[in-house]
Amino acid sequence: MCIIESIGYSEKNKMIYCTECIIFRKTGKCEYLKYIESKIRVGLTKDPHPGIMADDCGF
């Protein structure tokens, strides 16, 4: 198991622990990081108020 999986993802943890990861150092790739970072990007692009129009607010 990846240490990031057990301690939790953050940019700080990525910087500290992934630089020590032998797989990440050799390949420059990490499927777990790719998965987590893609979930974060998807979460940022979601509209928190889908379908709310100005008319719905009484304007």
N, C-alpha and C. Protein backbone atom coordinates (compact mmCIF):
# COMPACT_ATOMS: atom_id res chain seq x y z
N MET A 1 0.84 -1.18 0.00
CA MET A 1 0.00 0.00 0.00
C MET A 1 0.89 1.24 0.00
N CYS A 2 0.47 2.22 -0.73
CA CYS A 2 1.16 3.50 -0.81
C CYS A 2 0.98 4.26 0.51
N ILE A 3 2.01 4.93 0.96
CA ILE A 3 1.91 5.68 2.22
C ILE A 3 0.90 6.81 2.12
N ILE A 4 0.76 7.39 0.93
CA ILE A 4 -0.22 8.47 0.73
C ILE A 4 -1.64 7.94 0.97
N GLU A 5 -1.88 6.68 0.59
CA GLU A 5 -3.20 6.09 0.83
C GLU A 5 -3.50 6.01 2.32
N SER A 6 -2.50 5.71 3.13
CA SER A 6 -2.75 5.54 4.56
C SER A 6 -2.76 6.86 5.32
N ILE A 7 -1.94 7.84 4.92
CA ILE A 7 -1.90 9.11 5.66
C ILE A 7 -2.80 10.18 5.07
N GLY A 8 -3.21 10.01 3.81
CA GLY A 8 -4.08 10.99 3.17
C GLY A 8 -3.33 11.85 2.18
N TYR A 9 -4.03 12.23 1.13
CA TYR A 9 -3.43 13.03 0.06
C TYR A 9 -3.42 14.51 0.43
N SER A 10 -2.32 15.14 0.18
CA SER A 10 -2.20 16.59 0.20
C SER A 10 -0.97 16.92 -0.64
N GLU A 11 -0.88 18.15 -1.08
CA GLU A 11 0.29 18.55 -1.88
C GLU A 11 1.57 18.38 -1.05
N LYS A 12 1.49 18.70 0.25
CA LYS A 12 2.66 18.57 1.11
C LYS A 12 3.08 17.10 1.23
N ASN A 13 2.11 16.22 1.47
CA ASN A 13 2.42 14.79 1.57
C ASN A 13 2.99 14.26 0.25
N LYS A 14 2.44 14.75 -0.86
CA LYS A 14 2.96 14.33 -2.17
C LYS A 14 4.42 14.72 -2.31
N MET A 15 4.74 15.96 -1.94
CA MET A 15 6.12 16.44 -2.06
C MET A 15 7.07 15.65 -1.17
N ILE A 16 6.62 15.33 0.04
CA ILE A 16 7.49 14.63 0.99
C ILE A 16 7.66 13.16 0.63
N TYR A 17 6.55 12.47 0.45
CA TYR A 17 6.61 11.01 0.35
C TYR A 17 6.79 10.48 -1.07
N CYS A 18 6.25 11.17 -2.07
CA CYS A 18 6.36 10.64 -3.43
C CYS A 18 7.79 10.76 -3.97
N THR A 19 8.54 11.73 -3.49
CA THR A 19 9.93 11.84 -3.93
C THR A 19 10.77 10.68 -3.40
N GLU A 20 10.29 10.04 -2.32
CA GLU A 20 10.98 8.88 -1.76
C GLU A 20 10.51 7.56 -2.38
N CYS A 21 9.39 7.60 -3.10
CA CYS A 21 8.80 6.38 -3.67
C CYS A 21 9.66 5.88 -4.83
N ILE A 22 10.11 4.66 -4.74
CA ILE A 22 11.00 4.12 -5.77
C ILE A 22 10.31 4.01 -7.13
N ILE A 23 9.03 3.66 -7.14
CA ILE A 23 8.29 3.54 -8.40
C ILE A 23 8.11 4.92 -9.02
N PHE A 24 7.71 5.90 -8.21
CA PHE A 24 7.52 7.26 -8.71
C PHE A 24 8.83 7.85 -9.23
N ARG A 25 9.93 7.58 -8.52
CA ARG A 25 11.24 8.10 -8.95
C ARG A 25 11.68 7.47 -10.26
N LYS A 26 11.43 6.16 -10.43
CA LYS A 26 11.88 5.48 -11.65
C LYS A 26 11.00 5.79 -12.85
N THR A 27 9.67 5.85 -12.64
CA THR A 27 8.75 6.00 -13.78
C THR A 27 8.19 7.41 -13.91
N GLY A 28 8.17 8.15 -12.80
CA GLY A 28 7.55 9.48 -12.84
C GLY A 28 6.04 9.40 -12.86
N LYS A 29 5.48 8.21 -12.65
CA LYS A 29 4.04 8.02 -12.71
C LYS A 29 3.55 7.34 -11.44
N CYS A 30 2.34 7.65 -11.08
CA CYS A 30 1.69 7.00 -9.94
C CYS A 30 0.21 6.94 -10.24
N GLU A 31 -0.33 5.76 -10.40
CA GLU A 31 -1.75 5.61 -10.72
C GLU A 31 -2.64 6.13 -9.59
N TYR A 32 -2.23 5.92 -8.35
CA TYR A 32 -3.03 6.40 -7.23
C TYR A 32 -3.11 7.93 -7.23
N LEU A 33 -1.96 8.60 -7.45
CA LEU A 33 -1.96 10.07 -7.50
C LEU A 33 -2.80 10.56 -8.66
N LYS A 34 -2.68 9.90 -9.81
CA LYS A 34 -3.47 10.30 -10.98
C LYS A 34 -4.96 10.20 -10.66
N TYR A 35 -5.36 9.13 -9.99
CA TYR A 35 -6.76 8.93 -9.61
C TYR A 35 -7.23 10.01 -8.63
N ILE A 36 -6.46 10.26 -7.58
CA ILE A 36 -6.84 11.26 -6.57
C ILE A 36 -6.89 12.65 -7.18
N GLU A 37 -5.88 13.02 -7.95
CA GLU A 37 -5.84 14.36 -8.53
C GLU A 37 -6.94 14.56 -9.56
N SER A 38 -7.34 13.49 -10.27
CA SER A 38 -8.44 13.63 -11.21
C SER A 38 -9.75 13.84 -10.46
N LYS A 39 -9.92 13.20 -9.29
CA LYS A 39 -11.12 13.41 -8.49
C LYS A 39 -11.17 14.84 -7.97
N ILE A 40 -10.03 15.40 -7.61
CA ILE A 40 -9.98 16.78 -7.11
C ILE A 40 -10.35 17.74 -8.23
N ARG A 41 -9.80 17.53 -9.43
CA ARG A 41 -10.12 18.40 -10.57
C ARG A 41 -11.61 18.33 -10.91
N VAL A 42 -12.18 17.14 -10.89
CA VAL A 42 -13.61 16.99 -11.18
C VAL A 42 -14.43 17.71 -10.13
N GLY A 43 -14.03 17.60 -8.87
CA GLY A 43 -14.74 18.28 -7.79
C GLY A 43 -14.71 19.80 -7.92
N LEU A 44 -13.63 20.34 -8.44
CA LEU A 44 -13.51 21.79 -8.60
C LEU A 44 -14.34 22.31 -9.75
N THR A 45 -14.62 21.47 -10.74
CA THR A 45 -15.35 21.93 -11.90
C THR A 45 -16.86 21.75 -11.78
N LYS A 46 -17.30 21.05 -10.73
CA LYS A 46 -18.74 20.86 -10.53
C LYS A 46 -19.38 22.17 -10.14
N ASP A 47 -20.56 22.42 -10.69
CA ASP A 47 -21.34 23.61 -10.35
C ASP A 47 -22.05 23.34 -9.03
N PRO A 48 -21.77 24.11 -7.99
CA PRO A 48 -22.41 23.85 -6.70
C PRO A 48 -23.91 24.15 -6.69
N HIS A 49 -24.38 24.94 -7.65
CA HIS A 49 -25.80 25.30 -7.73
C HIS A 49 -26.31 25.07 -9.14
N PRO A 50 -26.40 23.83 -9.57
CA PRO A 50 -26.82 23.58 -10.94
C PRO A 50 -28.26 23.98 -11.18
N GLY A 51 -28.48 24.66 -12.27
CA GLY A 51 -29.84 24.98 -12.69
C GLY A 51 -30.50 26.14 -11.97
N ILE A 52 -29.82 26.84 -11.09
CA ILE A 52 -30.43 27.99 -10.42
C ILE A 52 -30.29 29.20 -11.34
N MET A 53 -31.41 29.81 -11.60
CA MET A 53 -31.43 30.97 -12.47
C MET A 53 -31.68 32.22 -11.62
N ALA A 54 -31.39 33.38 -12.17
CA ALA A 54 -31.64 34.63 -11.45
C ALA A 54 -33.10 34.77 -11.10
N ASP A 55 -34.00 34.28 -11.97
CA ASP A 55 -35.44 34.35 -11.71
C ASP A 55 -35.82 33.55 -10.47
N ASP A 56 -35.13 32.47 -10.21
CA ASP A 56 -35.42 31.64 -9.05
C ASP A 56 -35.08 32.35 -7.75
N CYS A 57 -34.22 33.33 -7.80
CA CYS A 57 -33.79 34.05 -6.61
C CYS A 57 -34.69 35.25 -6.32
N GLY A 58 -35.65 35.52 -7.19
CA GLY A 58 -36.56 36.63 -6.97
C GLY A 58 -36.10 37.94 -7.60
N PHE A 59 -35.13 37.87 -8.50
CA PHE A 59 -34.65 39.08 -9.18
C PHE A 59 -35.38 39.31 -10.47
